[in-house]
Amino acid sequence: MLILKTPQEILLEIAERAKEARLAQNLTQEGLSLRSNVSLGSLKRFEHTGKISFESLIKLAFALNVLDGLEYLFINQKQPLTLDELLKIKKRPKRGRLR
């Protein structure tokens, strides 16, 4: 998969989509802040810069009823199709390496 966007561009696109979802539900920033339990300052900063904690992003997604996509964020997209493929899969490491 080729990605031609910078991380900052992706952050800003996600923030814009969140703002559009908020407006589609006729919510003010204050209203979404109250509904999600995310501070108004954090929400304003997120909509302006795209920067927010992951926990707050999940709270906003839950409040806007768009949480589904986040559940699949780090899931491997290719699923084994046959028993032979399943048997070939090595155990996944439970810890990372220092180097």
PDB file of N, CA and C in Angstrom:
ATOM      1  N   MET A   1       0.848  -1.179   0.000  1.00  0.00           N
ATOM      2  CA  MET A   1       0.000   0.000   0.000  1.00  0.00           C
ATOM      3  C   MET A   1       0.893   1.241   0.000  1.00  0.00           C
ATOM      4  N   LEU A   2       0.636   2.157  -0.896  1.00  0.00           N
ATOM      5  CA  LEU A   2       1.409   3.381  -1.023  1.00  0.00           C
ATOM      6  C   LEU A   2       0.615   4.531  -0.416  1.00  0.00           C
ATOM      7  N   ILE A   3       1.227   5.208   0.542  1.00  0.00           N
ATOM      8  CA  ILE A   3       0.588   6.352   1.192  1.00  0.00           C
ATOM      9  C   ILE A   3       1.351   7.603   0.800  1.00  0.00           C
ATOM     10  N   LEU A   4       0.655   8.536   0.204  1.00  0.00           N
ATOM     11  CA  LEU A   4       1.309   9.751  -0.278  1.00  0.00           C
ATOM     12  C   LEU A   4       1.015  10.962   0.607  1.00  0.00           C
ATOM     13  N   LYS A   5       0.548  10.716   1.819  1.00  0.00           N
ATOM     14  CA  LYS A   5       0.229  11.801   2.739  1.00  0.00           C
ATOM     15  C   LYS A   5       1.191  11.781   3.909  1.00  0.00           C
ATOM     16  N   THR A   6       1.470  12.950   4.444  1.00  0.00           N
ATOM     17  CA  THR A   6       2.299  13.031   5.641  1.00  0.00           C
ATOM     18  C   THR A   6       1.440  12.704   6.856  1.00  0.00           C
ATOM     19  N   PRO A   7       2.063  12.320   7.960  1.00  0.00           N
ATOM     20  CA  PRO A   7       1.284  12.093   9.179  1.00  0.00           C
ATOM     21  C   PRO A   7       0.442  13.313   9.565  1.00  0.00           C
ATOM     22  N   GLN A   8       0.984  14.506   9.396  1.00  0.00           N
ATOM     23  CA  GLN A   8       0.223  15.718   9.731  1.00  0.00           C
ATOM     24  C   GLN A   8      -1.004  15.870   8.845  1.00  0.00           C
ATOM     25  N   GLU A   9      -0.863  15.559   7.570  1.00  0.00           N
ATOM     26  CA  GLU A   9      -2.024  15.627   6.668  1.00  0.00           C
ATOM     27  C   GLU A   9      -3.105  14.629   7.084  1.00  0.00           C
ATOM     28  N   ILE A  10      -2.687  13.454   7.502  1.00  0.00           N
ATOM     29  CA  ILE A  10      -3.650  12.446   7.956  1.00  0.00           C
ATOM     30  C   ILE A  10      -4.348  12.918   9.226  1.00  0.00           C
ATOM     31  N   LEU A  11      -3.587  13.487  10.168  1.00  0.00           N
ATOM     32  CA  LEU A  11      -4.180  14.020  11.402  1.00  0.00           C
ATOM     33  C   LEU A  11      -5.240  15.068  11.088  1.00  0.00           C
ATOM     34  N   LEU A  12      -4.905  15.970  10.188  1.00  0.00           N
ATOM     35  CA  LEU A  12      -5.847  17.037   9.845  1.00  0.00           C
ATOM     36  C   LEU A  12      -7.090  16.501   9.135  1.00  0.00           C
ATOM     37  N   GLU A  13      -6.931  15.482   8.307  1.00  0.00           N
ATOM     38  CA  GLU A  13      -8.093  14.874   7.644  1.00  0.00           C
ATOM     39  C   GLU A  13      -9.015  14.206   8.655  1.00  0.00           C
ATOM     40  N   ILE A  14      -8.431  13.507   9.620  1.00  0.00           N
ATOM     41  CA  ILE A  14      -9.244  12.859  10.650  1.00  0.00           C
ATOM     42  C   ILE A  14      -9.965  13.912  11.483  1.00  0.00           C
ATOM     43  N   ALA A  15      -9.269  14.985  11.824  1.00  0.00           N
ATOM     44  CA  ALA A  15      -9.897  16.064  12.587  1.00  0.00           C
ATOM     45  C   ALA A  15     -11.041  16.694  11.800  1.00  0.00           C
ATOM     46  N   GLU A  16     -10.852  16.881  10.501  1.00  0.00           N
ATOM     47  CA  GLU A  16     -11.904  17.459   9.661  1.00  0.00           C
ATOM     48  C   GLU A  16     -13.111  16.532   9.590  1.00  0.00           C
ATOM     49  N   ARG A  17     -12.866  15.221   9.474  1.00  0.00           N
ATOM     50  CA  ARG A  17     -13.982  14.260   9.441  1.00  0.00           C
ATOM     51  C   ARG A  17     -14.733  14.252  10.761  1.00  0.00           C
ATOM     52  N   ALA A  18     -14.001  14.384  11.858  1.00  0.00           N
ATOM     53  CA  ALA A  18     -14.646  14.440  13.172  1.00  0.00           C
ATOM     54  C   ALA A  18     -15.505  15.699  13.288  1.00  0.00           C
ATOM     55  N   LYS A  19     -14.991  16.805  12.793  1.00  0.00           N
ATOM     56  CA  LYS A  19     -15.757  18.062  12.826  1.00  0.00           C
ATOM     57  C   LYS A  19     -17.020  17.932  11.977  1.00  0.00           C
ATOM     58  N   GLU A  20     -16.876  17.323  10.795  1.00  0.00           N
ATOM     59  CA  GLU A  20     -18.041  17.121   9.925  1.00  0.00           C
ATOM     60  C   GLU A  20     -19.081  16.223  10.596  1.00  0.00           C
ATOM     61  N   ALA A  21     -18.628  15.183  11.279  1.00  0.00           N
ATOM     62  CA  ALA A  21     -19.551  14.293  11.998  1.00  0.00           C
ATOM     63  C   ALA A  21     -20.249  15.050  13.125  1.00  0.00           C
ATOM     64  N   ARG A  22     -19.493  15.906  13.818  1.00  0.00           N
ATOM     65  CA  ARG A  22     -20.086  16.719  14.891  1.00  0.00           C
ATOM     66  C   ARG A  22     -21.164  17.643  14.331  1.00  0.00           C
ATOM     67  N   LEU A  23     -20.851  18.316  13.248  1.00  0.00           N
ATOM     68  CA  LEU A  23     -21.816  19.249  12.648  1.00  0.00           C
ATOM     69  C   LEU A  23     -23.017  18.510  12.057  1.00  0.00           C
ATOM     70  N   ALA A  24     -22.801  17.325  11.488  1.00  0.00           N
ATOM     71  CA  ALA A  24     -23.908  16.544  10.938  1.00  0.00           C
ATOM     72  C   ALA A  24     -24.892  16.141  12.025  1.00  0.00           C
ATOM     73  N   GLN A  25     -24.382  16.015  13.251  1.00  0.00           N
ATOM     74  CA  GLN A  25     -25.254  15.675  14.375  1.00  0.00           C
ATOM     75  C   GLN A  25     -25.744  16.924  15.101  1.00  0.00           C
ATOM     76  N   ASN A  26     -25.489  18.080  14.485  1.00  0.00           N
ATOM     77  CA  ASN A  26     -25.950  19.363  15.005  1.00  0.00           C
ATOM     78  C   ASN A  26     -25.448  19.625  16.424  1.00  0.00           C
ATOM     79  N   LEU A  27     -24.189  19.275  16.658  1.00  0.00           N
ATOM     80  CA  LEU A  27     -23.578  19.487  17.966  1.00  0.00           C
ATOM     81  C   LEU A  27     -22.598  20.645  17.908  1.00  0.00           C
ATOM     82  N   THR A  28     -22.596  21.438  18.943  1.00  0.00           N
ATOM     83  CA  THR A  28     -21.559  22.457  19.087  1.00  0.00           C
ATOM     84  C   THR A  28     -20.323  21.782  19.669  1.00  0.00           C
ATOM     85  N   GLN A  29     -19.222  22.503  19.660  1.00  0.00           N
ATOM     86  CA  GLN A  29     -18.026  21.962  20.304  1.00  0.00           C
ATOM     87  C   GLN A  29     -18.301  21.720  21.791  1.00  0.00           C
ATOM     88  N   GLU A  30     -18.998  22.646  22.424  1.00  0.00           N
ATOM     89  CA  GLU A  30     -19.334  22.477  23.845  1.00  0.00           C
ATOM     90  C   GLU A  30     -20.208  21.245  24.059  1.00  0.00           C
ATOM     91  N   GLY A  31     -21.175  21.051  23.173  1.00  0.00           N
ATOM     92  CA  GLY A  31     -22.061  19.897  23.294  1.00  0.00           C
ATOM     93  C   GLY A  31     -21.309  18.585  23.163  1.00  0.00           C
ATOM     94  N   LEU A  32     -20.396  18.498  22.194  1.00  0.00           N
ATOM     95  CA  LEU A  32     -19.609  17.287  22.021  1.00  0.00           C
ATOM     96  C   LEU A  32     -18.653  17.098  23.191  1.00  0.00           C
ATOM     97  N   SER A  33     -18.115  18.187  23.692  1.00  0.00           N
ATOM     98  CA  SER A  33     -17.231  18.115  24.844  1.00  0.00           C
ATOM     99  C   SER A  33     -17.957  17.498  26.040  1.00  0.00           C
ATOM    100  N   LEU A  34     -19.160  17.959  26.276  1.00  0.00           N
ATOM    101  CA  LEU A  34     -19.948  17.417  27.388  1.00  0.00           C
ATOM    102  C   LEU A  34     -20.324  15.963  27.153  1.00  0.00           C
ATOM    103  N   ARG A  35     -20.730  15.639  25.943  1.00  0.00           N
ATOM    104  CA  ARG A  35     -21.170  14.277  25.616  1.00  0.00           C
ATOM    105  C   ARG A  35     -20.012  13.280  25.705  1.00  0.00           C
ATOM    106  N   SER A  36     -18.824  13.717  25.329  1.00  0.00           N
ATOM    107  CA  SER A  36     -17.679  12.803  25.255  1.00  0.00           C
ATOM    108  C   SER A  36     -16.792  12.820  26.496  1.00  0.00           C
ATOM    109  N   ASN A  37     -16.966  13.815  27.343  1.00  0.00           N
ATOM    110  CA  ASN A  37     -16.100  14.007  28.505  1.00  0.00           C
ATOM    111  C   ASN A  37     -14.657  14.312  28.087  1.00  0.00           C
ATOM    112  N   VAL A  38     -14.520  14.995  26.964  1.00  0.00           N
ATOM    113  CA  VAL A  38     -13.228  15.507  26.492  1.00  0.00           C
ATOM    114  C   VAL A  38     -13.279  17.015  26.702  1.00  0.00           C
ATOM    115  N   SER A  39     -12.225  17.577  27.261  1.00  0.00           N
ATOM    116  CA  SER A  39     -12.251  19.009  27.551  1.00  0.00           C
ATOM    117  C   SER A  39     -12.471  19.819  26.278  1.00  0.00           C
ATOM    118  N   LEU A  40     -13.117  20.953  26.437  1.00  0.00           N
ATOM    119  CA  LEU A  40     -13.390  21.827  25.302  1.00  0.00           C
ATOM    120  C   LEU A  40     -12.090  22.281  24.645  1.00  0.00           C
ATOM    121  N   GLY A  41     -11.081  22.568  25.455  1.00  0.00           N
ATOM    122  CA  GLY A  41      -9.786  22.972  24.911  1.00  0.00           C
ATOM    123  C   GLY A  41      -9.152  21.885  24.050  1.00  0.00           C
ATOM    124  N   SER A  42      -9.241  20.641  24.510  1.00  0.00           N
ATOM    125  CA  SER A  42      -8.685  19.527  23.727  1.00  0.00           C
ATOM    126  C   SER A  42      -9.433  19.364  22.417  1.00  0.00           C
ATOM    127  N   LEU A  43     -10.752  19.510  22.469  1.00  0.00           N
ATOM    128  CA  LEU A  43     -11.554  19.379  21.253  1.00  0.00           C
ATOM    129  C   LEU A  43     -11.238  20.488  20.260  1.00  0.00           C
ATOM    130  N   LYS A  44     -11.131  21.710  20.738  1.00  0.00           N
ATOM    131  CA  LYS A  44     -10.792  22.828  19.851  1.00  0.00           C
ATOM    132  C   LYS A  44      -9.416  22.635  19.225  1.00  0.00           C
ATOM    133  N   ARG A  45      -8.440  22.210  20.045  1.00  0.00           N
ATOM    134  CA  ARG A  45      -7.091  21.977  19.531  1.00  0.00           C
ATOM    135  C   ARG A  45      -7.107  20.866  18.482  1.00  0.00           C
ATOM    136  N   PHE A  46      -7.879  19.806  18.753  1.00  0.00           N
ATOM    137  CA  PHE A  46      -7.974  18.699  17.809  1.00  0.00           C
ATOM    138  C   PHE A  46      -8.550  19.166  16.481  1.00  0.00           C
ATOM    139  N   GLU A  47      -9.636  19.903  16.499  1.00  0.00           N
ATOM    140  CA  GLU A  47     -10.249  20.355  15.249  1.00  0.00           C
ATOM    141  C   GLU A  47      -9.352  21.336  14.497  1.00  0.00           C
ATOM    142  N   HIS A  48      -8.494  22.034  15.202  1.00  0.00           N
ATOM    143  CA  HIS A  48      -7.623  23.019  14.555  1.00  0.00           C
ATOM    144  C   HIS A  48      -6.296  22.405  14.087  1.00  0.00           C
ATOM    145  N   THR A  49      -5.710  21.512  14.898  1.00  0.00           N
ATOM    146  CA  THR A  49      -4.366  21.003  14.588  1.00  0.00           C
ATOM    147  C   THR A  49      -4.326  19.504  14.288  1.00  0.00           C
ATOM    148  N   GLY A  50      -5.358  18.782  14.687  1.00  0.00           N
ATOM    149  CA  GLY A  50      -5.369  17.331  14.530  1.00  0.00           C
ATOM    150  C   GLY A  50      -4.727  16.606  15.693  1.00  0.00           C
ATOM    151  N   LYS A  51      -4.220  17.332  16.670  1.00  0.00           N
ATOM    152  CA  LYS A  51      -3.515  16.711  17.792  1.00  0.00           C
ATOM    153  C   LYS A  51      -4.476  16.459  18.956  1.00  0.00           C
ATOM    154  N   ILE A  52      -4.436  15.201  19.448  1.00  0.00           N
ATOM    155  CA  ILE A  52      -5.297  14.795  20.553  1.00  0.00           C
ATOM    156  C   ILE A  52      -4.750  13.485  21.106  1.00  0.00           C
ATOM    157  N   SER A  53      -5.019  13.215  22.367  1.00  0.00           N
ATOM    158  CA  SER A  53      -4.590  11.931  22.920  1.00  0.00           C
ATOM    159  C   SER A  53      -5.443  10.823  22.316  1.00  0.00           C
ATOM    160  N   PHE A  54      -4.883   9.624  22.275  1.00  0.00           N
ATOM    161  CA  PHE A  54      -5.609   8.498  21.702  1.00  0.00           C
ATOM    162  C   PHE A  54      -6.867   8.209  22.523  1.00  0.00           C
ATOM    163  N   GLU A  55      -6.764   8.317  23.846  1.00  0.00           N
ATOM    164  CA  GLU A  55      -7.935   8.092  24.703  1.00  0.00           C
ATOM    165  C   GLU A  55      -9.045   9.086  24.379  1.00  0.00           C
ATOM    166  N   SER A  56      -8.703  10.342  24.215  1.00  0.00           N
ATOM    167  CA  SER A  56      -9.709  11.348  23.877  1.00  0.00           C
ATOM    168  C   SER A  56     -10.294  11.117  22.493  1.00  0.00           C
ATOM    169  N   LEU A  57      -9.463  10.670  21.552  1.00  0.00           N
ATOM    170  CA  LEU A  57      -9.964  10.359  20.211  1.00  0.00           C
ATOM    171  C   LEU A  57     -11.014   9.247  20.284  1.00  0.00           C
ATOM    172  N   ILE A  58     -10.753   8.238  21.096  1.00  0.00           N
ATOM    173  CA  ILE A  58     -11.713   7.148  21.251  1.00  0.00           C
ATOM    174  C   ILE A  58     -12.997   7.653  21.900  1.00  0.00           C
ATOM    175  N   LYS A  59     -12.871   8.517  22.893  1.00  0.00           N
ATOM    176  CA  LYS A  59     -14.065   9.091  23.529  1.00  0.00           C
ATOM    177  C   LYS A  59     -14.903   9.884  22.524  1.00  0.00           C
ATOM    178  N   LEU A  60     -14.245  10.666  21.677  1.00  0.00           N
ATOM    179  CA  LEU A  60     -14.963  11.437  20.655  1.00  0.00           C
ATOM    180  C   LEU A  60     -15.632  10.510  19.651  1.00  0.00           C
ATOM    181  N   ALA A  61     -14.908   9.485  19.210  1.00  0.00           N
ATOM    182  CA  ALA A  61     -15.466   8.533  18.249  1.00  0.00           C
ATOM    183  C   ALA A  61     -16.682   7.833  18.841  1.00  0.00           C
ATOM    184  N   PHE A  62     -16.615   7.480  20.105  1.00  0.00           N
ATOM    185  CA  PHE A  62     -17.748   6.834  20.779  1.00  0.00           C
ATOM    186  C   PHE A  62     -18.939   7.790  20.845  1.00  0.00           C
ATOM    187  N   ALA A  63     -18.679   9.032  21.247  1.00  0.00           N
ATOM    188  CA  ALA A  63     -19.751  10.029  21.369  1.00  0.00           C
ATOM    189  C   ALA A  63     -20.384  10.345  20.018  1.00  0.00           C
ATOM    190  N   LEU A  64     -19.599  10.261  18.944  1.00  0.00           N
ATOM    191  CA  LEU A  64     -20.110  10.544  17.602  1.00  0.00           C
ATOM    192  C   LEU A  64     -20.633   9.282  16.905  1.00  0.00           C
ATOM    193  N   ASN A  65     -20.549   8.157  17.599  1.00  0.00           N
ATOM    194  CA  ASN A  65     -21.027   6.873  17.073  1.00  0.00           C
ATOM    195  C   ASN A  65     -20.280   6.450  15.809  1.00  0.00           C
ATOM    196  N   VAL A  66     -18.960   6.641  15.823  1.00  0.00           N
ATOM    197  CA  VAL A  66     -18.125   6.227  14.700  1.00  0.00           C
ATOM    198  C   VAL A  66     -16.939   5.382  15.185  1.00  0.00           C
ATOM    199  N   LEU A  67     -17.134   4.645  16.238  1.00  0.00           N
ATOM    200  CA  LEU A  67     -16.063   3.875  16.867  1.00  0.00           C
ATOM    201  C   LEU A  67     -15.670   2.636  16.075  1.00  0.00           C
ATOM    202  N   ASP A  68     -16.536   2.130  15.211  1.00  0.00           N
ATOM    203  CA  ASP A  68     -16.306   0.855  14.525  1.00  0.00           C
ATOM    204  C   ASP A  68     -14.940   0.748  13.868  1.00  0.00           C
ATOM    205  N   GLY A  69     -14.517   1.726  13.129  1.00  0.00           N
ATOM    206  CA  GLY A  69     -13.267   1.640  12.404  1.00  0.00           C
ATOM    207  C   GLY A  69     -12.038   1.545  13.300  1.00  0.00           C
ATOM    208  N   LEU A  70     -12.076   2.151  14.480  1.00  0.00           N
ATOM    209  CA  LEU A  70     -10.913   2.133  15.363  1.00  0.00           C
ATOM    210  C   LEU A  70     -10.631   0.744  15.908  1.00  0.00           C
ATOM    211  N   GLU A  71     -11.632  -0.088  16.013  1.00  0.00           N
ATOM    212  CA  GLU A  71     -11.432  -1.433  16.549  1.00  0.00           C
ATOM    213  C   GLU A  71     -10.541  -2.281  15.646  1.00  0.00           C
ATOM    214  N   TYR A  72     -10.407  -1.897  14.382  1.00  0.00           N
ATOM    215  CA  TYR A  72      -9.626  -2.661  13.418  1.00  0.00           C
ATOM    216  C   TYR A  72      -8.308  -1.997  13.059  1.00  0.00           C
ATOM    217  N   LEU A  73      -7.882  -1.039  13.859  1.00  0.00           N
ATOM    218  CA  LEU A  73      -6.729  -0.212  13.518  1.00  0.00           C
ATOM    219  C   LEU A  73      -5.440  -1.001  13.309  1.00  0.00           C
ATOM    220  N   PHE A  74      -5.129  -1.971  14.166  1.00  0.00           N
ATOM    221  CA  PHE A  74      -3.864  -2.692  14.045  1.00  0.00           C
ATOM    222  C   PHE A  74      -4.059  -4.172  13.735  1.00  0.00           C
ATOM    223  N   ILE A  75      -5.197  -4.526  13.174  1.00  0.00           N
ATOM    224  CA  ILE A  75      -5.448  -5.909  12.798  1.00  0.00           C
ATOM    225  C   ILE A  75      -4.858  -6.160  11.420  1.00  0.00           C
ATOM    226  N   ASN A  76      -4.169  -7.289  11.289  1.00  0.00           N
ATOM    227  CA  ASN A  76      -3.596  -7.671  10.005  1.00  0.00           C
ATOM    228  C   ASN A  76      -4.725  -7.857   8.995  1.00  0.00           C
ATOM    229  N   GLN A  77      -4.614  -7.229   7.865  1.00  0.00           N
ATOM    230  CA  GLN A  77      -5.675  -7.256   6.860  1.00  0.00           C
ATOM    231  C   GLN A  77      -5.782  -8.600   6.149  1.00  0.00           C
ATOM    232  N   LYS A  78      -4.677  -9.343   6.007  1.00  0.00           N
ATOM    233  CA  LYS A  78      -4.715 -10.604   5.291  1.00  0.00           C
ATOM    234  C   LYS A  78      -5.019 -11.732   6.273  1.00  0.00           C
ATOM    235  N   GLN A  79      -6.112 -12.406   6.086  1.00  0.00           N
ATOM    236  CA  GLN A  79      -6.498 -13.531   6.925  1.00  0.00           C
ATOM    237  C   GLN A  79      -6.151 -14.836   6.204  1.00  0.00           C
ATOM    238  N   PRO A  80      -5.589 -15.823   6.928  1.00  0.00           N
ATOM    239  CA  PRO A  80      -5.294 -17.110   6.292  1.00  0.00           C
ATOM    240  C   PRO A  80      -6.562 -17.735   5.737  1.00  0.00           C
ATOM    241  N   LEU A  81      -6.438 -18.346   4.582  1.00  0.00           N
ATOM    242  CA  LEU A  81      -7.609 -18.906   3.920  1.00  0.00           C
ATOM    243  C   LEU A  81      -7.727 -20.418   4.082  1.00  0.00           C
ATOM    244  N   THR A  82      -6.611 -21.100   4.297  1.00  0.00           N
ATOM    245  CA  THR A  82      -6.665 -22.554   4.369  1.00  0.00           C
ATOM    246  C   THR A  82      -6.027 -23.049   5.654  1.00  0.00           C
ATOM    247  N   LEU A  83      -6.288 -24.318   5.986  1.00  0.00           N
ATOM    248  CA  LEU A  83      -5.679 -24.924   7.163  1.00  0.00           C
ATOM    249  C   LEU A  83      -4.168 -24.979   7.011  1.00  0.00           C
ATOM    250  N   ASP A  84      -3.685 -25.241   5.803  1.00  0.00           N
ATOM    251  CA  ASP A  84      -2.246 -25.265   5.554  1.00  0.00           C
ATOM    252  C   ASP A  84      -1.608 -23.920   5.884  1.00  0.00           C
ATOM    253  N   GLU A  85      -2.263 -22.848   5.495  1.00  0.00           N
ATOM    254  CA  GLU A  85      -1.738 -21.514   5.803  1.00  0.00           C
ATOM    255  C   GLU A  85      -1.744 -21.270   7.307  1.00  0.00           C
ATOM    256  N   LEU A  86      -2.781 -21.710   7.986  1.00  0.00           N
ATOM    257  CA  LEU A  86      -2.845 -21.554   9.434  1.00  0.00           C
ATOM    258  C   LEU A  86      -1.705 -22.305  10.123  1.00  0.00           C
ATOM    259  N   LEU A  87      -1.398 -23.505   9.652  1.00  0.00           N
ATOM    260  CA  LEU A  87      -0.343 -24.304  10.262  1.00  0.00           C
ATOM    261  C   LEU A  87       1.046 -23.733  10.007  1.00  0.00           C
ATOM    262  N   LYS A  88       1.201 -22.963   8.936  1.00  0.00           N
ATOM    263  CA  LYS A  88       2.493 -22.370   8.599  1.00  0.00           C
ATOM    264  C   LYS A  88       2.798 -21.119   9.424  1.00  0.00           C
ATOM    265  N   ILE A  89       1.791 -20.566  10.050  1.00  0.00           N
ATOM    266  CA  ILE A  89       1.984 -19.323  10.801  1.00  0.00           C
ATOM    267  C   ILE A  89       2.816 -19.602  12.044  1.00  0.00           C
ATOM    268  N   LYS A  90       3.882 -18.834  12.197  1.00  0.00           N
ATOM    269  CA  LYS A  90       4.733 -18.954  13.380  1.00  0.00           C
ATOM    270  C   LYS A  90       4.075 -18.220  14.535  1.00  0.00           C
ATOM    271  N   LYS A  91       4.454 -18.626  15.742  1.00  0.00           N
ATOM    272  CA  LYS A  91       3.936 -17.930  16.918  1.00  0.00           C
ATOM    273  C   LYS A  91       4.387 -16.477  16.863  1.00  0.00           C
ATOM    274  N   ARG A  92       3.473 -15.588  17.241  1.00  0.00           N
ATOM    275  CA  ARG A  92       3.814 -14.172  17.282  1.00  0.00           C
ATOM    276  C   ARG A  92       4.572 -13.876  18.567  1.00  0.00           C
ATOM    277  N   PRO A  93       5.599 -13.056  18.490  1.00  0.00           N
ATOM    278  CA  PRO A  93       6.321 -12.707  19.717  1.00  0.00           C
ATOM    279  C   PRO A  93       5.414 -11.926  20.656  1.00  0.00           C
ATOM    280  N   LYS A  94       5.588 -12.176  21.939  1.00  0.00           N
ATOM    281  CA  LYS A  94       4.780 -11.466  22.934  1.00  0.00           C
ATOM    282  C   LYS A  94       5.461 -10.201  23.410  1.00  0.00           C
ATOM    283  N   ARG A  95       6.744 -10.068  23.059  1.00  0.00           N
ATOM    284  CA  ARG A  95       7.498  -8.874  23.444  1.00  0.00           C
ATOM    285  C   ARG A  95       8.336  -8.407  22.257  1.00  0.00           C
ATOM    286  N   GLY A  96       8.600  -7.149  22.221  1.00  0.00           N
ATOM    287  CA  GLY A  96       9.486  -6.619  21.189  1.00  0.00           C
ATOM    288  C   GLY A  96      10.947  -6.760  21.605  1.00  0.00           C
ATOM    289  N   ARG A  97      11.817  -6.543  20.658  1.00  0.00           N
ATOM    290  CA  ARG A  97      13.244  -6.579  20.953  1.00  0.00           C
ATOM    291  C   ARG A  97      13.728  -5.185  21.267  1.00  0.00           C
ATOM    292  N   LEU A  98      14.767  -5.112  22.060  1.00  0.00           N
ATOM    293  CA  LEU A  98      15.333  -3.810  22.396  1.00  0.00           C
ATOM    294  C   LEU A  98      15.938  -3.162  21.168  1.00  0.00           C
ATOM    295  N   ARG A  99      16.581  -3.966  20.316  1.00  0.00           N
ATOM    296  CA  ARG A  99      17.193  -3.439  19.093  1.00  0.00           C
ATOM    297  C   ARG A  99      16.923  -4.359  17.970  1.00  0.00           C
TER     298      ARG A  99
END
